[in-house]
Amino acid sequence: MKVLLCTFQAVAVFLLAGVAYGSAKSLPKDEIPVVAVVSELQRHLVLDNYEKWAPGLNWQKLRDFYQKRDFYPVWLNFNGPTEKAAIVRDTLIFSYNEGLDPAEYHVPAIRYLWRAKKARSKARLELLLTDAFMRYGLEVSAGYQDPRAADFDWYVRQKKINVTDLLESILIADNTEKILHDLPPSHMAYFQLKEKLAYYRALAAQGSWQKVGFAPQLKIGMRHPQVINIRKRLQQEEYLPSGNKDQSDLFDDELALAVRKFQKLHGHKVDGIVGYFTRKSLNIGVEEKITLIKQNMERWRWMPENLGQRYIMVNMAGYQLELMENGESVMDMPVIIGKTFRATPAFIDTLKYIELNPTWKVPPRIAKEKFLPKLRENAEFLQANHLKIYDSWRRDAKEVNPASVDWQKISDTRFPFKLEQTAGPHNSMGRIKFMFPNRFRVYLHDTPNRNLFNRHVRTFSSGCIRLARPFQLANRILSWENTQNQADVKAQMASGETIRIDIKQKLPIYLMYWTVWVDKNGDINFRNDIYERNKKIATGSEHGVS
């Protein structure tokens, strides 16, 4: 190995000293091809302007990398591409399985140049492999898009991947395949989506799906020509057995059962009736579903690698919260999220404390936009809603007599007071609140409006997450703390006093946005893009070289 490195260094010095390639004839015969590639790499990266050949390559990173190596190739030896090069090439080819496009990693060009004989072609193969590896390493690990550019309401810190260090590590490692295998996210949810991506591609290979045309609401016992199309469509996605030859126009029990399952997995009212929304979901094509799966795989690439042993995961698009422990869901419940014009942002924080019998300090925006118009109409609004008014947001703020304020003169642009709702069953926070202080003033909390959990679309809050079963969540979390029991919480609640319970163990909270996921039964779920956050998530990027 030392002899080989000395030879490499001698070749580099030989070239950099300006010795013409023709003088290399005195070298051993099997080293001449490598010398020629070194010369071509130097020409491509330093001496001549070859960027027009492949404008999509990261030329600056390539120059920095190869200059440190005296332009010596890392993927080629005297006999051509190395075994490592072949492993990397195959990984790039199968990037398709990760929801990525192999053409973005120059796979067609790499295949074309693989057995090249000319030094210039070999040098180009070398550069394409290096650039492709660096791009793939970054994009399969951390995503191919800037998360904030793709979703302006995404506030999770972007992963930092040093692709040069990654490249250096794979060049000296013996376990190349394992390193490449470990680059994609290791989350089970990502792996499940990857499996479903292969499944839906197999369905796509069988042809496009049956469209369901306009018809009145269809239900059990009815006959209609569209029933035949509904039956075919559900067979294509295997909600009905594909071997079922029944093509009757009768809406029977078996079809109703398949429709109910379809509705459940698409977030619709589960009634077995094919109406407007069910028909709309039935008309989503297989290619569109593949795109949705790939978009959600990309979101998982934006996530931290380690979510924690215990954590709270809120899926806004699914209106669902799960309490996770050791990778398993130990509790789940419906939630209510922000209105479409006051959308709940996606971010990560840590639970700091639980507040019993909380008060509610009304955010200035809500006070200005929602409450001020009502105060102008009715000065008794504050009293009717158990709201107190203070002269500022300072700790020593003084309470103000509402009758002393001329609400007609208060500016629409700046609300000068603090409004606070007293504790009790009337409070908008309900009887319990889960606090993780953040710049968005978004928290998890109870709600007095329990009837809203019966809705299928639950975008009713001003940004906070309302919980269907907050006390069960609190009891489970406090059982981990070993400082409170269920009886203690009930007694403290009954006192009516506002009580803070600090959480000592780290419990991350993830407010996320998944429109596609696989549930604990192994079924894939699709949901509407309620906040329209998928629109800017492409299913690939453009690199300029194929």
Protein backbone atom coordinates (compact mmCIF):
# COMPACT_ATOMS: atom_id res chain seq x y z
CA MET A 1 0.00 0.00 0.00
CA LYS A 2 2.83 2.43 0.88
CA VAL A 3 4.56 1.67 -2.43
CA LEU A 4 1.31 2.39 -4.28
CA LEU A 5 0.82 5.73 -2.48
CA CYS A 6 4.40 6.73 -3.26
CA THR A 7 3.76 5.91 -6.91
CA PHE A 8 0.56 8.05 -6.83
CA GLN A 9 2.47 10.99 -5.34
CA ALA A 10 5.25 10.61 -7.87
CA VAL A 11 2.73 10.69 -10.70
CA ALA A 12 1.06 13.80 -9.29
CA VAL A 13 4.41 15.62 -8.94
CA PHE A 14 5.35 14.47 -12.41
CA LEU A 15 2.21 16.02 -13.88
CA LEU A 16 2.14 19.19 -11.83
CA ALA A 17 5.74 19.89 -12.79
CA GLY A 18 4.45 20.32 -16.34
CA VAL A 19 5.85 17.16 -17.85
CA ALA A 20 3.97 16.30 -21.00
CA TYR A 21 1.87 13.14 -21.06
CA GLY A 22 3.99 11.77 -23.86
CA SER A 23 6.98 11.58 -21.51
CA ALA A 24 5.11 9.08 -19.33
CA LYS A 25 6.07 6.23 -21.67
CA SER A 26 8.94 5.41 -19.34
CA LEU A 27 6.45 4.53 -16.56
CA PRO A 28 5.25 0.95 -16.03
CA LYS A 29 2.73 0.05 -18.70
CA ASP A 30 -0.21 -0.48 -16.32
CA GLU A 31 0.24 2.99 -14.74
CA ILE A 32 0.05 4.96 -17.99
CA PRO A 33 -3.81 4.92 -18.17
CA VAL A 34 -4.06 6.34 -14.62
CA VAL A 35 -1.52 9.07 -15.46
CA ALA A 36 -3.65 10.03 -18.43
CA VAL A 37 -6.78 10.24 -16.25
CA VAL A 38 -4.93 12.44 -13.72
CA SER A 39 -3.94 14.73 -16.57
CA GLU A 40 -7.54 14.89 -17.85
CA LEU A 41 -8.92 15.56 -14.38
CA GLN A 42 -6.50 18.45 -14.01
CA ARG A 43 -7.52 19.81 -17.40
CA HIS A 44 -11.23 19.54 -16.59
CA LEU A 45 -10.96 21.12 -13.15
CA VAL A 46 -8.18 23.69 -13.48
CA LEU A 47 -6.50 24.19 -16.81
CA ASP A 48 -9.46 24.38 -19.21
CA ASN A 49 -13.10 25.42 -18.97
CA TYR A 50 -15.06 22.19 -19.17
CA GLU A 51 -18.06 23.40 -17.16
CA LYS A 52 -20.15 23.70 -20.32
CA TRP A 53 -19.86 19.93 -20.70
CA ALA A 54 -21.83 19.43 -17.48
CA PRO A 55 -23.14 22.72 -16.04
CA GLY A 56 -25.10 20.92 -13.33
CA LEU A 57 -22.05 19.54 -11.51
CA ASN A 58 -20.83 21.19 -8.33
CA TRP A 59 -17.55 22.22 -9.88
CA GLN A 60 -16.24 24.10 -6.87
CA LYS A 61 -16.64 21.11 -4.56
CA LEU A 62 -15.04 18.88 -7.18
CA ARG A 63 -12.06 21.24 -7.52
CA ASP A 64 -11.58 21.45 -3.76
CA PHE A 65 -11.77 17.67 -3.40
CA TYR A 66 -9.41 16.72 -6.23
CA GLN A 67 -6.85 19.44 -5.66
CA LYS A 68 -6.27 18.03 -2.18
CA ARG A 69 -5.67 14.64 -3.80
CA ASP A 70 -3.36 16.00 -6.52
CA PHE A 71 -6.11 15.12 -9.03
CA TYR A 72 -5.73 11.41 -8.49
CA PRO A 73 -8.92 9.40 -9.18
CA VAL A 74 -10.75 7.66 -6.34
CA TRP A 75 -13.10 5.43 -8.35
CA LEU A 76 -10.67 4.19 -11.01
CA ASN A 77 -7.52 2.13 -10.99
CA PHE A 78 -5.36 0.61 -13.72
CA ASN A 79 -8.12 -1.81 -14.71
CA GLY A 80 -11.02 0.67 -14.77
CA PRO A 81 -13.79 1.33 -12.20
CA THR A 82 -13.13 -0.16 -8.77
CA GLU A 83 -15.38 -2.41 -6.74
CA LYS A 84 -16.40 0.59 -4.60
CA ALA A 85 -17.33 2.45 -7.77
CA ALA A 86 -19.58 -0.42 -8.81
CA ILE A 87 -21.29 -0.43 -5.40
CA VAL A 88 -21.89 3.32 -5.60
CA ARG A 89 -23.18 3.02 -9.18
CA ASP A 90 -25.66 0.32 -8.16
CA THR A 91 -26.83 2.43 -5.20
CA LEU A 92 -27.46 5.35 -7.54
CA ILE A 93 -29.39 3.10 -9.91
CA PHE A 94 -31.60 1.90 -7.04
CA SER A 95 -32.14 5.42 -5.68
CA TYR A 96 -35.45 4.88 -7.46
CA ASN A 97 -36.50 2.81 -4.42
CA GLU A 98 -35.99 5.84 -2.16
CA GLY A 99 -38.42 7.90 -4.21
CA LEU A 100 -35.56 9.63 -6.03
CA ASP A 101 -34.77 9.82 -9.74
CA PRO A 102 -31.57 8.01 -10.81
CA ALA A 103 -31.21 10.41 -13.76
CA GLU A 104 -30.60 13.20 -11.24
CA TYR A 105 -27.46 11.34 -10.19
CA HIS A 106 -26.13 11.02 -13.76
CA VAL A 107 -26.92 7.31 -13.97
CA PRO A 108 -27.48 7.22 -17.77
CA ALA A 109 -24.15 8.97 -18.38
CA ILE A 110 -22.33 6.79 -15.81
CA ARG A 111 -23.64 3.64 -17.48
CA TYR A 112 -22.62 4.94 -20.90
CA LEU A 113 -19.06 5.74 -19.76
CA TRP A 114 -18.59 2.68 -17.54
CA ARG A 115 -16.39 0.77 -19.97
CA ALA A 116 -14.81 3.82 -21.56
CA LYS A 117 -11.25 3.42 -22.89
CA LYS A 118 -10.24 7.01 -23.55
CA ALA A 119 -8.67 8.99 -20.71
CA ARG A 120 -11.04 11.93 -21.19
CA SER A 121 -14.10 9.69 -20.90
CA LYS A 122 -12.67 7.98 -17.83
CA ALA A 123 -12.02 11.35 -16.21
CA ARG A 124 -15.60 12.35 -16.87
CA LEU A 125 -16.85 9.08 -15.39
CA GLU A 126 -14.74 9.84 -12.31
CA LEU A 127 -16.21 13.32 -11.94
CA LEU A 128 -19.77 12.14 -12.48
CA LEU A 129 -19.41 9.42 -9.81
CA THR A 130 -18.01 11.87 -7.26
CA ASP A 131 -20.60 14.55 -7.93
CA ALA A 132 -23.42 11.98 -7.92
CA PHE A 133 -22.26 10.45 -4.65
CA MET A 134 -22.06 13.84 -2.93
CA ARG A 135 -25.51 14.81 -4.19
CA TYR A 136 -27.08 11.50 -3.32
CA GLY A 137 -25.46 11.38 0.13
CA LEU A 138 -26.92 14.78 0.95
CA GLU A 139 -30.34 14.34 -0.62
CA VAL A 140 -31.20 10.83 0.57
CA SER A 141 -30.20 11.83 4.12
CA ALA A 142 -31.48 15.40 4.45
CA GLY A 143 -33.77 15.93 1.45
CA TYR A 144 -33.34 17.27 -2.05
CA GLN A 145 -35.14 20.51 -1.27
CA ASP A 146 -34.60 23.27 1.25
CA PRO A 147 -37.50 22.55 3.64
CA ARG A 148 -38.29 26.22 4.21
CA ALA A 149 -38.39 26.88 0.49
CA ALA A 150 -40.76 23.95 -0.03
CA ASP A 151 -42.93 24.62 3.04
CA PHE A 152 -42.90 28.13 4.49
CA ASP A 153 -44.56 26.87 7.70
CA TRP A 154 -41.81 24.31 8.38
CA TYR A 155 -39.62 25.42 11.31
CA VAL A 156 -37.50 22.34 11.97
CA ARG A 157 -33.77 22.94 11.87
CA GLN A 158 -32.27 21.58 8.67
CA LYS A 159 -29.80 18.71 8.94
CA LYS A 160 -26.14 19.50 8.37
CA ILE A 161 -24.45 16.89 6.18
CA ASN A 162 -20.78 17.29 5.28
CA VAL A 163 -20.70 15.42 1.99
CA THR A 164 -16.93 15.72 1.62
CA ASP A 165 -16.41 14.03 4.99
CA LEU A 166 -18.95 11.41 3.95
CA LEU A 167 -17.04 10.78 0.74
CA GLU A 168 -13.73 10.53 2.56
CA SER A 169 -15.20 8.04 5.04
CA ILE A 170 -16.52 5.73 2.35
CA LEU A 171 -13.20 5.74 0.50
CA ILE A 172 -11.31 4.37 3.51
CA ALA A 173 -14.06 2.10 4.87
CA ASP A 174 -14.35 -1.63 4.30
CA ASN A 175 -18.14 -1.65 4.81
CA THR A 176 -19.12 0.47 1.83
CA GLU A 177 -22.48 -1.21 1.36
CA LYS A 178 -23.48 -0.66 5.00
CA ILE A 179 -22.59 3.03 4.89
CA LEU A 180 -24.69 3.51 1.78
CA HIS A 181 -27.53 1.43 3.26
CA ASP A 182 -27.57 3.63 6.38
CA LEU A 183 -27.82 6.95 4.52
CA PRO A 184 -31.64 7.11 4.18
CA PRO A 185 -33.76 7.81 7.30
CA SER A 186 -34.00 4.86 9.66
CA HIS A 187 -37.51 5.73 10.88
CA MET A 188 -40.01 2.89 10.56
CA ALA A 189 -42.52 5.33 9.02
CA TYR A 190 -40.07 6.07 6.18
CA PHE A 191 -39.40 2.38 5.59
CA GLN A 192 -43.14 1.65 5.47
CA LEU A 193 -43.68 4.40 2.89
CA LYS A 194 -40.80 2.98 0.88
CA GLU A 195 -42.53 -0.42 0.83
CA LYS A 196 -45.83 1.16 -0.22
CA LEU A 197 -44.06 3.10 -2.97
CA ALA A 198 -42.95 -0.22 -4.49
CA TYR A 199 -46.48 -1.59 -4.09
CA TYR A 200 -48.12 1.37 -5.87
CA ARG A 201 -45.55 1.28 -8.64
CA ALA A 202 -46.50 -2.34 -9.19
CA LEU A 203 -50.15 -1.27 -9.39
CA ALA A 204 -49.21 1.48 -11.85
CA ALA A 205 -47.52 -1.10 -14.08
CA GLN A 206 -50.90 -2.76 -14.52
CA GLY A 207 -52.35 0.36 -16.14
CA SER A 208 -54.26 3.50 -15.20
CA TRP A 209 -57.20 3.32 -12.82
CA GLN A 210 -60.89 3.34 -13.63
CA LYS A 211 -62.51 6.78 -13.37
CA VAL A 212 -65.78 7.11 -11.49
CA GLY A 213 -68.14 9.47 -13.29
CA PHE A 214 -70.85 11.74 -11.96
CA ALA A 215 -73.77 10.03 -10.25
CA PRO A 216 -76.17 10.67 -7.39
CA GLN A 217 -75.23 9.39 -3.93
CA LEU A 218 -74.94 5.63 -4.19
CA LYS A 219 -75.58 3.24 -1.31
CA ILE A 220 -76.61 -0.33 -0.46
CA GLY A 221 -79.52 -1.65 -2.48
CA MET A 222 -79.25 0.87 -5.33
CA ARG A 223 -78.61 0.03 -8.97
CA HIS A 224 -76.65 2.39 -11.22
CA PRO A 225 -74.21 2.01 -14.16
CA GLN A 226 -71.49 3.78 -12.11
CA VAL A 227 -71.58 0.98 -9.54
CA ILE A 228 -69.70 -1.16 -12.07
CA ASN A 229 -66.94 1.49 -12.32
CA ILE A 230 -66.75 1.86 -8.54
CA ARG A 231 -66.37 -1.90 -8.23
CA LYS A 232 -63.55 -1.96 -10.83
CA ARG A 233 -61.78 0.99 -9.18
CA LEU A 234 -61.81 -0.63 -5.73
CA GLN A 235 -60.52 -3.88 -7.21
CA GLN A 236 -57.59 -2.03 -8.80
CA GLU A 237 -56.43 -0.79 -5.37
CA GLU A 238 -57.34 -4.16 -3.81
CA TYR A 239 -60.12 -2.91 -1.57
CA LEU A 240 -62.13 -5.62 -3.30
CA PRO A 241 -60.58 -8.99 -4.26
CA SER A 242 -59.10 -8.70 -7.75
CA GLY A 243 -60.38 -12.19 -8.61
CA ASN A 244 -63.97 -11.15 -7.98
CA LYS A 245 -65.75 -11.46 -11.33
CA ASP A 246 -68.94 -9.81 -10.09
CA GLN A 247 -69.57 -6.81 -12.37
CA SER A 248 -73.15 -6.21 -11.28
CA ASP A 249 -74.58 -2.69 -11.15
CA LEU A 250 -76.12 -3.56 -7.74
CA PHE A 251 -74.57 -1.80 -4.73
CA ASP A 252 -74.37 -4.83 -2.43
CA ASP A 253 -73.07 -5.46 1.10
CA GLU A 254 -69.59 -6.51 -0.08
CA LEU A 255 -69.17 -3.28 -2.05
CA ALA A 256 -70.41 -1.19 0.88
CA LEU A 257 -67.82 -2.84 3.16
CA ALA A 258 -65.04 -2.00 0.68
CA VAL A 259 -66.30 1.59 0.40
CA ARG A 260 -66.28 1.96 4.20
CA LYS A 261 -62.68 0.80 4.41
CA PHE A 262 -61.71 3.17 1.59
CA GLN A 263 -63.42 6.05 3.39
CA LYS A 264 -61.68 5.29 6.67
CA LEU A 265 -58.23 5.24 5.07
CA HIS A 266 -58.92 8.51 3.23
CA GLY A 267 -60.28 10.45 6.19
CA HIS A 268 -63.93 10.61 5.09
CA LYS A 269 -67.11 9.96 7.01
CA VAL A 270 -67.41 6.18 7.19
CA ASP A 271 -70.96 5.53 6.04
CA GLY A 272 -70.57 3.25 2.99
CA ILE A 273 -72.21 5.90 0.78
CA VAL A 274 -70.40 7.10 -2.36
CA GLY A 275 -70.97 10.85 -2.37
CA TYR A 276 -68.98 13.84 -3.61
CA PHE A 277 -65.89 13.52 -1.38
CA THR A 278 -65.58 9.74 -1.65
CA ARG A 279 -65.94 9.98 -5.43
CA LYS A 280 -63.28 12.70 -5.52
CA SER A 281 -60.82 10.44 -3.67
CA LEU A 282 -61.69 7.49 -5.90
CA ASN A 283 -60.66 9.61 -8.88
CA ILE A 284 -57.14 10.22 -7.57
CA GLY A 285 -54.97 8.28 -10.01
CA VAL A 286 -52.21 5.83 -9.14
CA GLU A 287 -49.46 8.16 -10.39
CA GLU A 288 -50.77 10.97 -8.17
CA LYS A 289 -50.73 8.64 -5.18
CA ILE A 290 -47.12 7.71 -6.00
CA THR A 291 -46.27 11.41 -5.99
CA LEU A 292 -47.97 11.86 -2.60
CA ILE A 293 -45.96 8.97 -1.14
CA LYS A 294 -42.70 10.44 -2.46
CA GLN A 295 -43.53 13.88 -1.04
CA ASN A 296 -44.07 12.42 2.41
CA MET A 297 -40.84 10.41 2.18
CA GLU A 298 -39.12 13.72 1.49
CA ARG A 299 -40.66 15.19 4.66
CA TRP A 300 -39.19 12.30 6.65
CA ARG A 301 -35.75 13.15 5.25
CA TRP A 302 -36.15 16.58 6.86
CA MET A 303 -36.69 15.01 10.30
CA PRO A 304 -34.06 14.49 13.01
CA GLU A 305 -32.60 11.00 12.93
CA ASN A 306 -33.28 10.36 16.63
CA LEU A 307 -36.81 11.27 17.75
CA GLY A 308 -36.27 10.11 21.33
CA GLN A 309 -37.30 7.16 23.48
CA ARG A 310 -40.58 8.88 24.39
CA TYR A 311 -42.24 11.67 22.46
CA ILE A 312 -45.53 13.20 21.37
CA MET A 313 -46.23 13.16 17.63
CA VAL A 314 -49.05 15.33 16.28
CA ASN A 315 -49.99 14.77 12.66
CA MET A 316 -51.92 17.87 11.64
CA ALA A 317 -53.15 16.53 8.30
CA GLY A 318 -54.46 13.42 10.06
CA TYR A 319 -55.95 15.38 13.03
CA GLN A 320 -54.27 12.85 15.30
CA LEU A 321 -51.89 12.73 18.28
CA GLU A 322 -49.81 9.71 19.25
CA LEU A 323 -47.81 9.24 22.42
CA MET A 324 -44.80 7.13 21.52
CA GLU A 325 -42.58 4.95 23.68
CA ASN A 326 -39.74 2.80 22.32
CA GLY A 327 -41.06 3.14 18.78
CA GLU A 328 -44.59 2.00 19.70
CA SER A 329 -47.77 4.05 19.99
CA VAL A 330 -49.04 3.75 23.58
CA MET A 331 -51.87 6.27 23.20
CA ASP A 332 -53.63 8.10 20.40
CA MET A 333 -56.46 10.61 20.18
CA PRO A 334 -58.18 13.00 17.78
CA VAL A 335 -57.05 16.63 17.76
CA ILE A 336 -58.27 19.98 16.46
CA ILE A 337 -55.75 22.16 14.61
CA GLY A 338 -55.49 25.73 13.34
CA LYS A 339 -57.85 27.22 10.79
CA THR A 340 -56.54 27.37 7.23
CA PHE A 341 -55.90 31.11 7.64
CA ARG A 342 -54.29 30.57 11.07
CA ALA A 343 -52.48 27.38 10.23
CA THR A 344 -50.55 25.53 12.91
CA PRO A 345 -46.82 25.67 12.05
CA ALA A 346 -44.64 22.57 11.92
CA PHE A 347 -41.94 22.65 14.59
CA ILE A 348 -40.27 20.68 17.38
CA ASP A 349 -40.12 21.59 21.06
CA THR A 350 -39.93 19.97 24.49
CA LEU A 351 -42.70 19.78 27.10
CA LYS A 352 -41.75 21.99 30.05
CA TYR A 353 -44.78 21.87 32.34
CA ILE A 354 -48.47 21.02 32.64
CA GLU A 355 -50.87 23.67 33.88
CA LEU A 356 -54.10 22.74 35.65
CA ASN A 357 -56.99 25.22 35.64
CA PRO A 358 -55.11 27.49 33.25
CA THR A 359 -55.89 31.08 32.46
CA TRP A 360 -55.67 32.24 28.85
CA LYS A 361 -53.66 35.27 27.85
CA VAL A 362 -55.26 36.23 24.56
CA PRO A 363 -52.61 36.72 21.85
CA PRO A 364 -52.59 40.33 20.55
CA ARG A 365 -53.48 39.22 17.02
CA ILE A 366 -56.60 37.42 18.20
CA ALA A 367 -57.54 40.32 20.49
CA LYS A 368 -57.22 42.74 17.58
CA GLU A 369 -58.78 40.68 14.80
CA LYS A 370 -61.41 38.65 16.64
CA PHE A 371 -62.34 40.42 19.87
CA LEU A 372 -62.07 44.13 19.06
CA PRO A 373 -64.97 44.09 16.53
CA LYS A 374 -67.14 42.34 19.15
CA LEU A 375 -66.17 44.85 21.84
CA ARG A 376 -67.19 47.69 19.57
CA GLU A 377 -70.61 46.09 19.17
CA ASN A 378 -71.09 45.04 22.78
CA ALA A 379 -69.15 46.39 25.77
CA GLU A 380 -70.50 43.49 27.88
CA PHE A 381 -68.54 41.00 25.75
CA LEU A 382 -65.64 40.87 28.24
CA GLN A 383 -67.79 40.04 31.23
CA ALA A 384 -69.87 37.50 29.31
CA ASN A 385 -66.68 35.64 28.32
CA HIS A 386 -64.90 35.91 31.69
CA LEU A 387 -62.22 38.22 30.29
CA LYS A 388 -60.20 40.73 32.29
CA ILE A 389 -58.39 43.67 30.74
CA TYR A 390 -54.96 44.99 31.79
CA ASP A 391 -53.11 48.15 30.76
CA SER A 392 -50.02 46.28 29.44
CA TRP A 393 -48.25 42.92 29.17
CA ARG A 394 -45.89 43.75 32.06
CA ARG A 395 -45.94 41.59 35.18
CA ASP A 396 -47.09 44.55 37.25
CA ALA A 397 -49.84 45.48 34.78
CA LYS A 398 -52.96 47.03 36.35
CA GLU A 399 -56.50 45.89 35.69
CA VAL A 400 -58.58 48.31 33.66
CA ASN A 401 -62.29 49.02 34.01
CA PRO A 402 -63.79 48.08 30.60
CA ALA A 403 -66.35 50.89 30.94
CA SER A 404 -63.50 53.41 30.89
CA VAL A 405 -62.39 52.39 27.40
CA ASP A 406 -63.87 53.89 24.23
CA TRP A 407 -63.56 50.83 21.97
CA GLN A 408 -64.50 52.84 18.89
CA LYS A 409 -61.23 54.77 19.21
CA ILE A 410 -58.96 51.73 19.58
CA SER A 411 -56.76 51.26 16.49
CA ASP A 412 -57.31 48.33 14.16
CA THR A 413 -53.55 47.92 13.81
CA ARG A 414 -52.43 47.98 17.48
CA PHE A 415 -54.31 46.58 20.46
CA PRO A 416 -52.83 48.38 23.55
CA PHE A 417 -54.20 46.07 26.27
CA LYS A 418 -53.73 42.54 27.54
CA LEU A 419 -56.84 40.36 27.74
CA GLU A 420 -56.85 37.40 30.12
CA GLN A 421 -59.58 34.80 30.47
CA THR A 422 -60.07 33.48 34.00
CA ALA A 423 -59.66 29.80 34.86
CA GLY A 424 -62.63 27.45 34.82
CA PRO A 425 -64.68 25.20 32.53
CA HIS A 426 -65.47 28.23 30.34
CA ASN A 427 -61.80 28.85 29.57
CA SER A 428 -60.75 28.40 25.94
CA MET A 429 -57.82 26.28 27.18
CA GLY A 430 -60.24 24.00 29.04
CA ARG A 431 -59.05 22.60 32.37
CA ILE A 432 -55.52 21.59 31.42
CA LYS A 433 -52.72 22.89 29.21
CA PHE A 434 -49.40 21.34 28.08
CA MET A 435 -46.78 24.07 27.89
CA PHE A 436 -43.66 24.25 25.70
CA PRO A 437 -43.06 28.04 25.44
CA ASN A 438 -42.40 28.96 21.82
CA ARG A 439 -42.47 32.00 19.56
CA PHE A 440 -45.71 30.85 17.90
CA ARG A 441 -47.68 30.70 21.18
CA VAL A 442 -48.90 27.28 20.14
CA TYR A 443 -49.64 24.69 22.84
CA LEU A 444 -51.59 21.50 23.49
CA HIS A 445 -54.71 21.98 25.60
CA ASP A 446 -58.20 20.89 26.60
CA THR A 447 -61.28 22.58 25.14
CA PRO A 448 -64.85 23.24 26.32
CA ASN A 449 -66.12 22.65 22.77
CA ARG A 450 -66.11 18.85 22.81
CA ASN A 451 -68.64 18.48 20.00
CA LEU A 452 -66.10 19.59 17.39
CA PHE A 453 -64.24 16.28 17.71
CA ASN A 454 -67.15 14.62 15.90
CA ARG A 455 -66.24 16.48 12.70
CA HIS A 456 -64.03 14.87 10.07
CA VAL A 457 -62.31 18.14 9.11
CA ARG A 458 -61.13 19.72 12.36
CA THR A 459 -59.53 23.07 11.50
CA PHE A 460 -61.14 25.24 14.19
CA SER A 461 -58.40 26.64 16.45
CA SER A 462 -56.29 29.77 16.17
CA GLY A 463 -53.15 27.64 15.89
CA CYS A 464 -53.07 25.61 19.10
CA ILE A 465 -53.72 21.86 19.26
CA ARG A 466 -56.92 20.94 21.12
CA LEU A 467 -56.95 17.44 22.60
CA ALA A 468 -59.84 14.98 22.78
CA ARG A 469 -58.51 13.20 25.91
CA PRO A 470 -56.05 15.56 27.63
CA PHE A 471 -56.37 14.05 31.11
CA GLN A 472 -55.43 10.56 29.92
CA LEU A 473 -52.37 12.10 28.27
CA ALA A 474 -51.45 13.97 31.45
CA ASN A 475 -51.85 10.87 33.62
CA ARG A 476 -49.55 8.83 31.35
CA ILE A 477 -46.89 11.54 31.26
CA LEU A 478 -47.04 12.09 35.02
CA SER A 479 -46.76 8.34 35.63
CA TRP A 480 -43.36 8.56 33.97
CA GLU A 481 -42.42 11.42 36.29
CA ASN A 482 -43.26 9.44 39.48
CA THR A 483 -44.24 12.69 41.22
CA GLN A 484 -48.02 12.79 40.72
CA ASN A 485 -50.80 10.22 40.55
CA GLN A 486 -54.28 10.35 39.10
CA ALA A 487 -55.86 11.15 42.50
CA ASP A 488 -53.45 14.08 43.02
CA VAL A 489 -54.37 15.57 39.65
CA LYS A 490 -58.11 15.26 40.35
CA ALA A 491 -57.74 16.91 43.75
CA GLN A 492 -55.69 19.76 42.33
CA MET A 493 -58.19 20.20 39.51
CA ALA A 494 -61.08 20.36 41.96
CA SER A 495 -59.38 23.17 43.90
CA GLY A 496 -59.97 25.55 40.99
CA GLU A 497 -56.54 27.08 41.48
CA THR A 498 -54.07 27.45 38.63
CA ILE A 499 -51.33 24.90 39.37
CA ARG A 500 -48.10 24.30 37.48
CA ILE A 501 -46.51 20.82 37.36
CA ASP A 502 -42.96 20.89 36.00
CA ILE A 503 -41.87 18.02 33.72
CA LYS A 504 -38.35 16.90 34.56
CA GLN A 505 -37.86 14.13 32.00
CA LYS A 506 -37.26 15.21 28.43
CA LEU A 507 -40.36 14.71 26.30
CA PRO A 508 -40.07 16.09 22.74
CA ILE A 509 -43.20 17.32 20.97
CA TYR A 510 -43.35 17.08 17.18
CA LEU A 511 -46.02 19.10 15.39
CA MET A 512 -45.76 17.58 11.92
CA TYR A 513 -47.67 17.40 8.66
CA TRP A 514 -48.05 13.98 7.02
CA THR A 515 -50.63 13.56 4.26
CA VAL A 516 -49.64 9.91 3.73
CA TRP A 517 -48.64 7.34 6.36
CA VAL A 518 -48.91 3.64 7.18
CA ASP A 519 -50.92 2.81 10.30
CA LYS A 520 -50.31 0.09 12.90
CA ASN A 521 -52.44 -2.33 10.86
CA GLY A 522 -50.14 -1.91 7.86
CA ASP A 523 -52.75 0.05 5.87
CA ILE A 524 -51.71 3.14 3.94
CA ASN A 525 -53.65 6.31 4.78
CA PHE A 526 -54.13 9.32 2.51
CA ARG A 527 -55.39 12.72 3.66
CA ASN A 528 -56.24 16.00 2.00
CA ASP A 529 -53.50 18.62 1.85
CA ILE A 530 -55.54 20.94 4.06
CA TYR A 531 -52.85 23.61 4.34
CA GLU A 532 -51.67 23.16 0.72
CA ARG A 533 -48.11 22.51 1.90
CA ASN A 534 -47.34 19.78 -0.61
CA LYS A 535 -47.60 22.03 -3.64
CA LYS A 536 -43.97 23.13 -3.58
CA ILE A 537 -42.52 19.73 -2.70
CA ALA A 538 -41.26 18.47 -6.02
CA THR A 539 -40.64 14.78 -6.58
CA GLY A 540 -37.11 15.41 -7.78
CA SER A 541 -34.60 18.13 -8.59
CA GLU A 542 -32.81 19.07 -11.76
CA HIS A 543 -29.06 18.65 -11.91
CA GLY A 544 -28.34 19.39 -15.53
CA VAL A 545 -26.60 16.15 -16.44
CA SER A 546 -28.24 12.87 -17.37
